[in-house]
C-alpha atoms as a PDB file:
ATOM      1  CA  MET A   1     105.431 173.524 127.599  1.00  0.00           C
ATOM      2  CA  ILE A   2     107.420 170.472 126.669  1.00  0.00           C
ATOM      3  CA  HIS A   3     110.991 170.382 128.068  1.00  0.00           C
ATOM      4  CA  VAL A   4     113.642 170.497 125.188  1.00  0.00           C
ATOM      5  CA  VAL A   5     117.400 170.531 125.433  1.00  0.00           C
ATOM      6  CA  GLY A   6     119.605 170.564 122.389  1.00  0.00           C
ATOM      7  CA  MET A   7     123.452 170.542 121.965  1.00  0.00           C
ATOM      8  CA  THR A   8     126.142 170.094 119.419  1.00  0.00           C
ATOM      9  CA  ASP A   9     129.891 169.781 119.535  1.00  0.00           C
ATOM     10  CA  ILE A  10     132.552 169.801 116.837  1.00  0.00           C
ATOM     11  CA  GLY A  11     134.179 166.763 118.441  1.00  0.00           C
ATOM     12  CA  ASN A  12     137.853 165.739 118.592  1.00  0.00           C
ATOM     13  CA  GLY A  13     138.685 165.138 114.974  1.00  0.00           C
ATOM     14  CA  ARG A  14     136.924 167.517 112.640  1.00  0.00           C
ATOM     15  CA  SER A  15     137.867 170.943 111.307  1.00  0.00           C
ATOM     16  CA  SER A  16     134.167 171.942 110.980  1.00  0.00           C
ATOM     17  CA  ASN A  17     130.812 170.973 112.399  1.00  0.00           C
ATOM     18  CA  GLN A  18     128.688 169.343 109.709  1.00  0.00           C
ATOM     19  CA  ASP A  19     125.880 168.578 112.206  1.00  0.00           C
ATOM     20  CA  ALA A  20     122.934 170.973 112.620  1.00  0.00           C
ATOM     21  CA  TYR A  21     119.683 170.912 114.579  1.00  0.00           C
ATOM     22  CA  ILE A  22     116.437 172.747 115.106  1.00  0.00           C
ATOM     23  CA  MET A  23     114.053 173.006 118.092  1.00  0.00           C
ATOM     24  CA  ARG A  24     110.737 174.851 117.691  1.00  0.00           C
ATOM     25  CA  GLN A  25     107.526 174.823 119.792  1.00  0.00           C
ATOM     26  CA  LYS A  26     104.548 177.119 119.846  1.00  0.00           C
ATOM     27  CA  GLU A  27     101.012 176.997 121.253  1.00  0.00           C
ATOM     28  CA  GLU A  28      98.127 177.974 118.921  1.00  0.00           C
ATOM     29  CA  ASP A  29      94.479 177.945 120.154  1.00  0.00           C
ATOM     30  CA  GLY A  30      95.405 175.848 123.161  1.00  0.00           C
ATOM     31  CA  LYS A  31      97.210 173.205 121.043  1.00  0.00           C
ATOM     32  CA  LEU A  32     100.987 172.728 121.304  1.00  0.00           C
ATOM     33  CA  TYR A  33     103.063 172.245 118.176  1.00  0.00           C
ATOM     34  CA  LEU A  34     106.734 171.109 118.455  1.00  0.00           C
ATOM     35  CA  MET A  35     109.321 170.240 115.782  1.00  0.00           C
ATOM     36  CA  ALA A  36     112.786 168.923 116.574  1.00  0.00           C
ATOM     37  CA  ALA A  37     115.293 167.660 114.077  1.00  0.00           C
ATOM     38  CA  VAL A  38     118.997 166.773 113.823  1.00  0.00           C
ATOM     39  CA  CYS A  39     121.080 166.480 110.640  1.00  0.00           C
ATOM     40  CA  ASP A  40     124.525 165.072 109.914  1.00  0.00           C
ATOM     41  CA  GLY A  41     125.961 166.448 106.666  1.00  0.00           C
ATOM     42  CA  MET A  42     128.349 164.614 104.317  1.00  0.00           C
ATOM     43  CA  GLY A  43     130.427 165.743 101.345  1.00  0.00           C
ATOM     44  CA  GLY A  44     133.844 167.019 100.513  1.00  0.00           C
ATOM     45  CA  LEU A  45     135.313 170.191 102.021  1.00  0.00           C
ATOM     46  CA  ARG A  46     132.377 172.059 103.719  1.00  0.00           C
ATOM     47  CA  ARG A  47     129.668 170.655 101.412  1.00  0.00           C
ATOM     48  CA  GLY A  48     128.155 168.463 104.213  1.00  0.00           C
ATOM     49  CA  GLU A  49     127.886 171.490 106.372  1.00  0.00           C
ATOM     50  CA  ILE A  50     126.044 173.339 103.542  1.00  0.00           C
ATOM     51  CA  ALA A  51     123.620 170.467 103.162  1.00  0.00           C
ATOM     52  CA  SER A  52     122.729 169.999 106.831  1.00  0.00           C
ATOM     53  CA  HIS A  53     122.326 173.761 107.497  1.00  0.00           C
ATOM     54  CA  TYR A  54     120.261 174.141 104.277  1.00  0.00           C
ATOM     55  CA  ILE A  55     117.807 171.411 105.487  1.00  0.00           C
ATOM     56  CA  ILE A  56     117.535 172.965 108.947  1.00  0.00           C
ATOM     57  CA  GLU A  57     116.927 176.467 107.568  1.00  0.00           C
ATOM     58  CA  VAL A  58     114.194 175.249 105.250  1.00  0.00           C
ATOM     59  CA  LEU A  59     112.596 173.427 108.167  1.00  0.00           C
ATOM     60  CA  LYS A  60     112.673 176.555 110.272  1.00  0.00           C
ATOM     61  CA  GLN A  61     111.002 178.566 107.569  1.00  0.00           C
ATOM     62  CA  TRP A  62     108.384 175.885 107.024  1.00  0.00           C
ATOM     63  CA  PHE A  63     107.426 175.665 110.707  1.00  0.00           C
ATOM     64  CA  ASP A  64     107.242 179.431 111.166  1.00  0.00           C
ATOM     65  CA  ASN A  65     105.233 179.961 107.969  1.00  0.00           C
ATOM     66  CA  MET A  66     102.906 176.969 108.534  1.00  0.00           C
ATOM     67  CA  LEU A  67     101.984 178.245 111.973  1.00  0.00           C
ATOM     68  CA  CYS A  68     100.608 181.407 110.423  1.00  0.00           C
ATOM     69  CA  GLY A  69      97.044 180.136 110.198  1.00  0.00           C
ATOM     70  CA  VAL A  70      97.791 177.047 108.056  1.00  0.00           C
ATOM     71  CA  LEU A  71      99.196 174.368 110.342  1.00  0.00           C
ATOM     72  CA  LYS A  72      96.439 174.567 112.960  1.00  0.00           C
ATOM     73  CA  GLU A  73      93.869 173.809 110.192  1.00  0.00           C
ATOM     74  CA  LYS A  74      95.630 170.546 109.151  1.00  0.00           C
ATOM     75  CA  LYS A  75      95.356 167.096 110.726  1.00  0.00           C
ATOM     76  CA  ILE A  76      98.496 165.395 111.806  1.00  0.00           C
ATOM     77  CA  HIS A  77      98.544 162.935 108.895  1.00  0.00           C
ATOM     78  CA  GLU A  78      98.337 165.956 106.485  1.00  0.00           C
ATOM     79  CA  ILE A  79     101.238 167.654 108.211  1.00  0.00           C
ATOM     80  CA  GLN A  80     103.222 164.430 107.978  1.00  0.00           C
ATOM     81  CA  LYS A  81     102.493 164.135 104.220  1.00  0.00           C
ATOM     82  CA  ASN A  82     103.457 167.829 103.737  1.00  0.00           C
ATOM     83  CA  LEU A  83     106.728 167.373 105.540  1.00  0.00           C
ATOM     84  CA  ILE A  84     107.604 164.224 103.477  1.00  0.00           C
ATOM     85  CA  GLN A  85     106.944 166.196 100.360  1.00  0.00           C
ATOM     86  CA  LEU A  86     109.145 168.995 101.614  1.00  0.00           C
ATOM     87  CA  ILE A  87     112.017 166.449 102.246  1.00  0.00           C
ATOM     88  CA  GLN A  88     111.658 165.195  98.707  1.00  0.00           C
ATOM     89  CA  LYS A  89     111.883 168.799  97.419  1.00  0.00           C
ATOM     90  CA  MET A  90     114.977 169.464  99.480  1.00  0.00           C
ATOM     91  CA  ASN A  91     116.475 166.310  98.067  1.00  0.00           C
ATOM     92  CA  ASP A  92     115.930 167.612  94.538  1.00  0.00           C
ATOM     93  CA  ASN A  93     117.327 171.034  95.398  1.00  0.00           C
ATOM     94  CA  LEU A  94     120.498 169.509  96.886  1.00  0.00           C
ATOM     95  CA  LEU A  95     120.948 167.422  93.752  1.00  0.00           C
ATOM     96  CA  LEU A  96     120.603 170.616  91.636  1.00  0.00           C
ATOM     97  CA  MET A  97     123.117 172.379  93.877  1.00  0.00           C
ATOM     98  CA  SER A  98     125.640 169.665  93.253  1.00  0.00           C
ATOM     99  CA  GLN A  99     125.309 169.716  89.492  1.00  0.00           C
ATOM    100  CA  GLY A 100     128.525 170.625  87.798  1.00  0.00           C
ATOM    101  CA  THR A 101     130.707 169.525  90.749  1.00  0.00           C
ATOM    102  CA  GLU A 102     132.704 166.325  91.248  1.00  0.00           C
ATOM    103  CA  GLU A 103     131.294 165.731  94.718  1.00  0.00           C
ATOM    104  CA  SER A 104     127.700 165.311  95.860  1.00  0.00           C
ATOM    105  CA  MET A 105     126.475 166.679  99.197  1.00  0.00           C
ATOM    106  CA  GLY A 106     123.846 165.268 101.428  1.00  0.00           C
ATOM    107  CA  SER A 107     122.626 164.834 104.971  1.00  0.00           C
ATOM    108  CA  THR A 108     120.864 162.532 107.281  1.00  0.00           C
ATOM    109  CA  LEU A 109     117.685 163.699 108.973  1.00  0.00           C
ATOM    110  CA  ALA A 110     115.895 162.548 112.158  1.00  0.00           C
ATOM    111  CA  LEU A 111     112.743 164.564 112.884  1.00  0.00           C
ATOM    112  CA  LEU A 112     110.065 164.635 115.592  1.00  0.00           C
ATOM    113  CA  PHE A 113     106.824 166.511 115.140  1.00  0.00           C
ATOM    114  CA  VAL A 114     104.158 166.908 117.914  1.00  0.00           C
ATOM    115  CA  ALA A 115     100.667 168.233 117.411  1.00  0.00           C
ATOM    116  CA  GLY A 116      98.558 168.149 120.582  1.00  0.00           C
ATOM    117  CA  GLU A 117      98.463 164.623 121.845  1.00  0.00           C
ATOM    118  CA  LYS A 118      99.896 162.998 118.711  1.00  0.00           C
ATOM    119  CA  PHE A 119     103.368 162.638 117.259  1.00  0.00           C
ATOM    120  CA  PHE A 120     105.271 161.321 114.339  1.00  0.00           C
ATOM    121  CA  VAL A 121     108.956 160.583 113.660  1.00  0.00           C
ATOM    122  CA  LEU A 122     110.623 160.788 110.198  1.00  0.00           C
ATOM    123  CA  ASN A 123     113.978 159.302 109.423  1.00  0.00           C
ATOM    124  CA  VAL A 124     116.483 159.304 106.569  1.00  0.00           C
ATOM    125  CA  GLY A 125     119.975 157.942 107.006  1.00  0.00           C
ATOM    126  CA  ASP A 126     121.646 156.817 110.258  1.00  0.00           C
ATOM    127  CA  SER A 127     120.923 159.650 112.675  1.00  0.00           C
ATOM    128  CA  ARG A 128     118.519 158.158 115.168  1.00  0.00           C
ATOM    129  CA  THR A 129     115.409 158.979 117.196  1.00  0.00           C
ATOM    130  CA  TYR A 130     114.905 156.955 120.397  1.00  0.00           C
ATOM    131  CA  TRP A 131     111.676 157.222 122.336  1.00  0.00           C
ATOM    132  CA  PHE A 132     110.787 155.799 125.715  1.00  0.00           C
ATOM    133  CA  ASP A 133     107.276 155.127 127.005  1.00  0.00           C
ATOM    134  CA  HIS A 134     108.028 154.069 130.522  1.00  0.00           C
ATOM    135  CA  GLN A 135     109.240 150.436 130.074  1.00  0.00           C
ATOM    136  CA  ARG A 136     108.716 150.397 126.338  1.00  0.00           C
ATOM    137  CA  LYS A 137     111.651 151.414 124.115  1.00  0.00           C
ATOM    138  CA  PHE A 138     111.665 152.366 120.454  1.00  0.00           C
ATOM    139  CA  VAL A 139     114.301 153.369 117.950  1.00  0.00           C
ATOM    140  CA  THR A 140     114.426 154.250 114.227  1.00  0.00           C
ATOM    141  CA  THR A 141     116.110 151.901 111.802  1.00  0.00           C
ATOM    142  CA  ASP A 142     119.417 152.968 110.284  1.00  0.00           C
ATOM    143  CA  HIS A 143     119.584 153.302 106.442  1.00  0.00           C
ATOM    144  CA  THR A 144     122.993 151.729 106.235  1.00  0.00           C
ATOM    145  CA  LEU A 145     124.596 148.834 104.319  1.00  0.00           C
ATOM    146  CA  VAL A 146     125.341 147.097 107.611  1.00  0.00           C
ATOM    147  CA  GLN A 147     121.727 147.325 108.764  1.00  0.00           C
ATOM    148  CA  LEU A 148     120.734 145.603 105.489  1.00  0.00           C
ATOM    149  CA  GLU A 149     123.266 142.799 106.346  1.00  0.00           C
ATOM    150  CA  VAL A 150     121.754 142.484 109.820  1.00  0.00           C
ATOM    151  CA  LYS A 151     118.263 142.334 108.367  1.00  0.00           C
ATOM    152  CA  ALA A 152     119.349 139.617 105.956  1.00  0.00           C
ATOM    153  CA  GLY A 153     120.896 137.596 108.823  1.00  0.00           C
ATOM    154  CA  HIS A 154     124.452 137.952 107.586  1.00  0.00           C
ATOM    155  CA  LEU A 155     125.633 139.950 110.631  1.00  0.00           C
ATOM    156  CA  THR A 156     124.585 140.151 114.285  1.00  0.00           C
ATOM    157  CA  LYS A 157     123.937 143.481 115.960  1.00  0.00           C
ATOM    158  CA  GLU A 158     127.189 143.157 117.880  1.00  0.00           C
ATOM    159  CA  GLN A 159     129.163 142.448 114.620  1.00  0.00           C
ATOM    160  CA  ALA A 160     127.503 145.447 113.025  1.00  0.00           C
ATOM    161  CA  LYS A 161     128.829 147.808 115.674  1.00  0.00           C
ATOM    162  CA  CYS A 162     132.432 147.311 114.575  1.00  0.00           C
ATOM    163  CA  ASP A 163     131.960 146.422 110.919  1.00  0.00           C
ATOM    164  CA  PRO A 164     134.130 148.849 108.796  1.00  0.00           C
ATOM    165  CA  ARG A 165     131.041 149.433 106.464  1.00  0.00           C
ATOM    166  CA  ARG A 166     128.851 150.622 109.254  1.00  0.00           C
ATOM    167  CA  HIS A 167     128.984 154.276 108.055  1.00  0.00           C
ATOM    168  CA  ILE A 168     128.035 153.481 104.428  1.00  0.00           C
ATOM    169  CA  LEU A 169     124.555 154.909 103.904  1.00  0.00           C
ATOM    170  CA  VAL A 170     121.959 153.555 101.495  1.00  0.00           C
ATOM    171  CA  GLN A 171     119.660 156.514 102.034  1.00  0.00           C
ATOM    172  CA  CYS A 172     120.164 160.160 102.834  1.00  0.00           C
ATOM    173  CA  VAL A 173     118.803 163.541 101.638  1.00  0.00           C
ATOM    174  CA  GLY A 174     120.542 165.014  98.583  1.00  0.00           C
ATOM    175  CA  VAL A 175     122.506 162.197  96.956  1.00  0.00           C
ATOM    176  CA  THR A 176     120.068 160.053  94.968  1.00  0.00           C
ATOM    177  CA  LYS A 177     117.028 160.998  92.915  1.00  0.00           C
ATOM    178  CA  ASP A 178     114.610 158.853  95.009  1.00  0.00           C
ATOM    179  CA  VAL A 179     114.664 159.302  98.794  1.00  0.00           C
ATOM    180  CA  ARG A 180     112.727 156.993 101.103  1.00  0.00           C
ATOM    181  CA  VAL A 181     111.496 158.447 104.411  1.00  0.00           C
ATOM    182  CA  ASP A 182     110.682 156.106 107.268  1.00  0.00           C
ATOM    183  CA  CYS A 183     107.646 157.135 109.268  1.00  0.00           C
ATOM    184  CA  TYR A 184     106.630 156.231 112.834  1.00  0.00           C
ATOM    185  CA  GLN A 185     103.484 157.463 114.539  1.00  0.00           C
ATOM    186  CA  GLY A 186     102.099 157.429 118.072  1.00  0.00           C
ATOM    187  CA  ARG A 187     100.183 159.163 120.810  1.00  0.00           C
ATOM    188  CA  LEU A 188     101.905 161.215 123.453  1.00  0.00           C
ATOM    189  CA  LYS A 189     101.696 160.201 127.054  1.00  0.00           C
ATOM    190  CA  PRO A 190     102.937 161.990 130.138  1.00  0.00           C
ATOM    191  CA  GLY A 191     106.498 161.101 131.029  1.00  0.00           C
ATOM    192  CA  MET A 192     107.447 160.076 127.488  1.00  0.00           C
ATOM    193  CA  GLU A 193     111.051 161.035 126.406  1.00  0.00           C
ATOM    194  CA  PHE A 194     112.515 161.389 122.970  1.00  0.00           C
ATOM    195  CA  LEU A 195     116.292 161.535 122.006  1.00  0.00           C
ATOM    196  CA  LEU A 196     117.277 162.558 118.525  1.00  0.00           C
ATOM    197  CA  CYS A 197     120.970 162.202 117.853  1.00  0.00           C
ATOM    198  CA  THR A 198     123.677 161.901 115.173  1.00  0.00           C
ATOM    199  CA  ASP A 199     125.947 158.780 114.895  1.00  0.00           C
ATOM    200  CA  GLY A 200     128.779 160.636 116.531  1.00  0.00           C
ATOM    201  CA  PHE A 201     126.710 160.829 119.661  1.00  0.00           C
ATOM    202  CA  TYR A 202     125.379 157.285 119.955  1.00  0.00           C
ATOM    203  CA  GLY A 203     128.203 155.415 118.223  1.00  0.00           C
ATOM    204  CA  LEU A 204     130.284 154.872 121.390  1.00  0.00           C
ATOM    205  CA  LEU A 205     127.482 154.682 123.904  1.00  0.00           C
ATOM    206  CA  GLU A 206     126.015 151.431 125.219  1.00  0.00           C
ATOM    207  CA  GLU A 207     122.267 150.996 124.831  1.00  0.00           C
ATOM    208  CA  GLU A 208     121.768 151.006 128.604  1.00  0.00           C
ATOM    209  CA  GLU A 209     123.591 154.384 128.882  1.00  0.00           C
ATOM    210  CA  ILE A 210     121.313 155.815 126.200  1.00  0.00           C
ATOM    211  CA  TYR A 211     118.259 154.731 128.125  1.00  0.00           C
ATOM    212  CA  GLN A 212     119.451 156.273 131.379  1.00  0.00           C
ATOM    213  CA  VAL A 213     117.809 159.645 130.749  1.00  0.00           C
ATOM    214  CA  GLU A 214     117.195 162.124 133.452  1.00  0.00           C
ATOM    215  CA  THR A 215     113.840 163.880 134.070  1.00  0.00           C
ATOM    216  CA  SER A 216     114.072 167.611 134.836  1.00  0.00           C
ATOM    217  CA  LYS A 217     115.178 170.086 132.172  1.00  0.00           C
ATOM    218  CA  GLU A 218     118.283 170.900 134.346  1.00  0.00           C
ATOM    219  CA  GLN A 219     119.154 167.261 134.711  1.00  0.00           C
ATOM    220  CA  MET A 220     118.535 166.678 130.982  1.00  0.00           C
ATOM    221  CA  LYS A 221     121.220 169.276 130.106  1.00  0.00           C
ATOM    222  CA  VAL A 222     123.710 167.739 132.531  1.00  0.00           C
ATOM    223  CA  TRP A 223     122.995 164.308 131.150  1.00  0.00           C
ATOM    224  CA  VAL A 224     123.723 165.435 127.621  1.00  0.00           C
ATOM    225  CA  GLN A 225     126.880 167.170 128.716  1.00  0.00           C
ATOM    226  CA  ASN A 226     128.067 164.001 130.468  1.00  0.00           C
ATOM    227  CA  CYS A 227     127.354 161.903 127.389  1.00  0.00           C
ATOM    228  CA  PHE A 228     129.361 164.297 125.217  1.00  0.00           C
ATOM    229  CA  GLN A 229     132.231 164.014 127.627  1.00  0.00           C
ATOM    230  CA  LYS A 230     132.016 160.120 127.670  1.00  0.00           C
ATOM    231  CA  VAL A 231     132.130 159.686 123.886  1.00  0.00           C
ATOM    232  CA  LYS A 232     134.952 162.168 123.465  1.00  0.00           C
ATOM    233  CA  GLU A 233     136.994 160.473 126.114  1.00  0.00           C
ATOM    234  CA  ARG A 234     136.321 157.142 124.377  1.00  0.00           C
ATOM    235  CA  GLY A 235     137.867 158.454 121.146  1.00  0.00           C
ATOM    236  CA  GLU A 236     134.937 159.566 119.022  1.00  0.00           C
ATOM    237  CA  LEU A 237     136.258 161.854 116.256  1.00  0.00           C
ATOM    238  CA  ASP A 238     133.038 162.808 114.534  1.00  0.00           C
ATOM    239  CA  ASN A 239     130.803 165.798 115.274  1.00  0.00           C
ATOM    240  CA  LEU A 240     128.140 164.945 117.866  1.00  0.00           C
ATOM    241  CA  SER A 241     124.687 166.385 118.333  1.00  0.00           C
ATOM    242  CA  CYS A 242     121.511 165.539 120.177  1.00  0.00           C
ATOM    243  CA  ILE A 243     118.163 166.897 121.204  1.00  0.00           C
ATOM    244  CA  MET A 244     116.271 165.713 124.331  1.00  0.00           C
ATOM    245  CA  VAL A 245     112.518 166.080 124.502  1.00  0.00           C
ATOM    246  CA  LYS A 246     110.615 165.343 127.758  1.00  0.00           C
ATOM    247  CA  ILE A 247     106.820 165.281 128.044  1.00  0.00           C
ATOM    248  CA  PRO A 248     106.032 166.507 131.600  1.00  0.00           C
ATOM    249  CA  GLU A 249     104.192 164.201 133.987  1.00  0.00           C
ATOM    250  CA  LYS A 250     100.644 165.356 134.908  1.00  0.00           C
ATOM    251  CA  SER A 251     100.623 167.256 138.235  1.00  0.00           C
END
């Protein structure tokens, strides 16, 4: 089985935890399926908490139901298409849930899905998925106003880190009628690692700290706990959540 460790913390400055996450894996007919996702809710009062937990609950039901004879009959590109359609449906449902209220509610979503030797990553918002293939490093693109400014050449990456607009999202699930889902695909290799996390987790960590991931499941848990402690000591006020996924080396 793939090593998976997940953790969340209310943080130093919030009255509730608007983050939520899911970790699921199961073997069917000799093929391993895994889904991991983190959400960071937003909205007044506890509405962000409702949005993030709603998304995670729908994903749980989808994974459990799809494994009952349906998922194993689908190719990975069909599963990816199905999940994107589900995200769009959740987006529509959250919009309906906000009708008649003065405040919208939504959530980011970073999701990893593994089927056998292939994987894909889906992303909406500014929660991130990092993945490491030995010396090669990858990360999703934030859907933020500041990231658009970086892409346009108006800001450097260093300037973006402290720009007051860095938390302004241009995409999330549940706020606008049209939601764009970024998709990344790849083939699993022994030793690969994935890190899914909300902005409260990565915001005050340096890139080299994020890439210093341990290997065994026991070490992974300690690494996550140490990162939580670091960012809280550095003054992070937001909720923080992350999931570590490690593909074992071949014996």
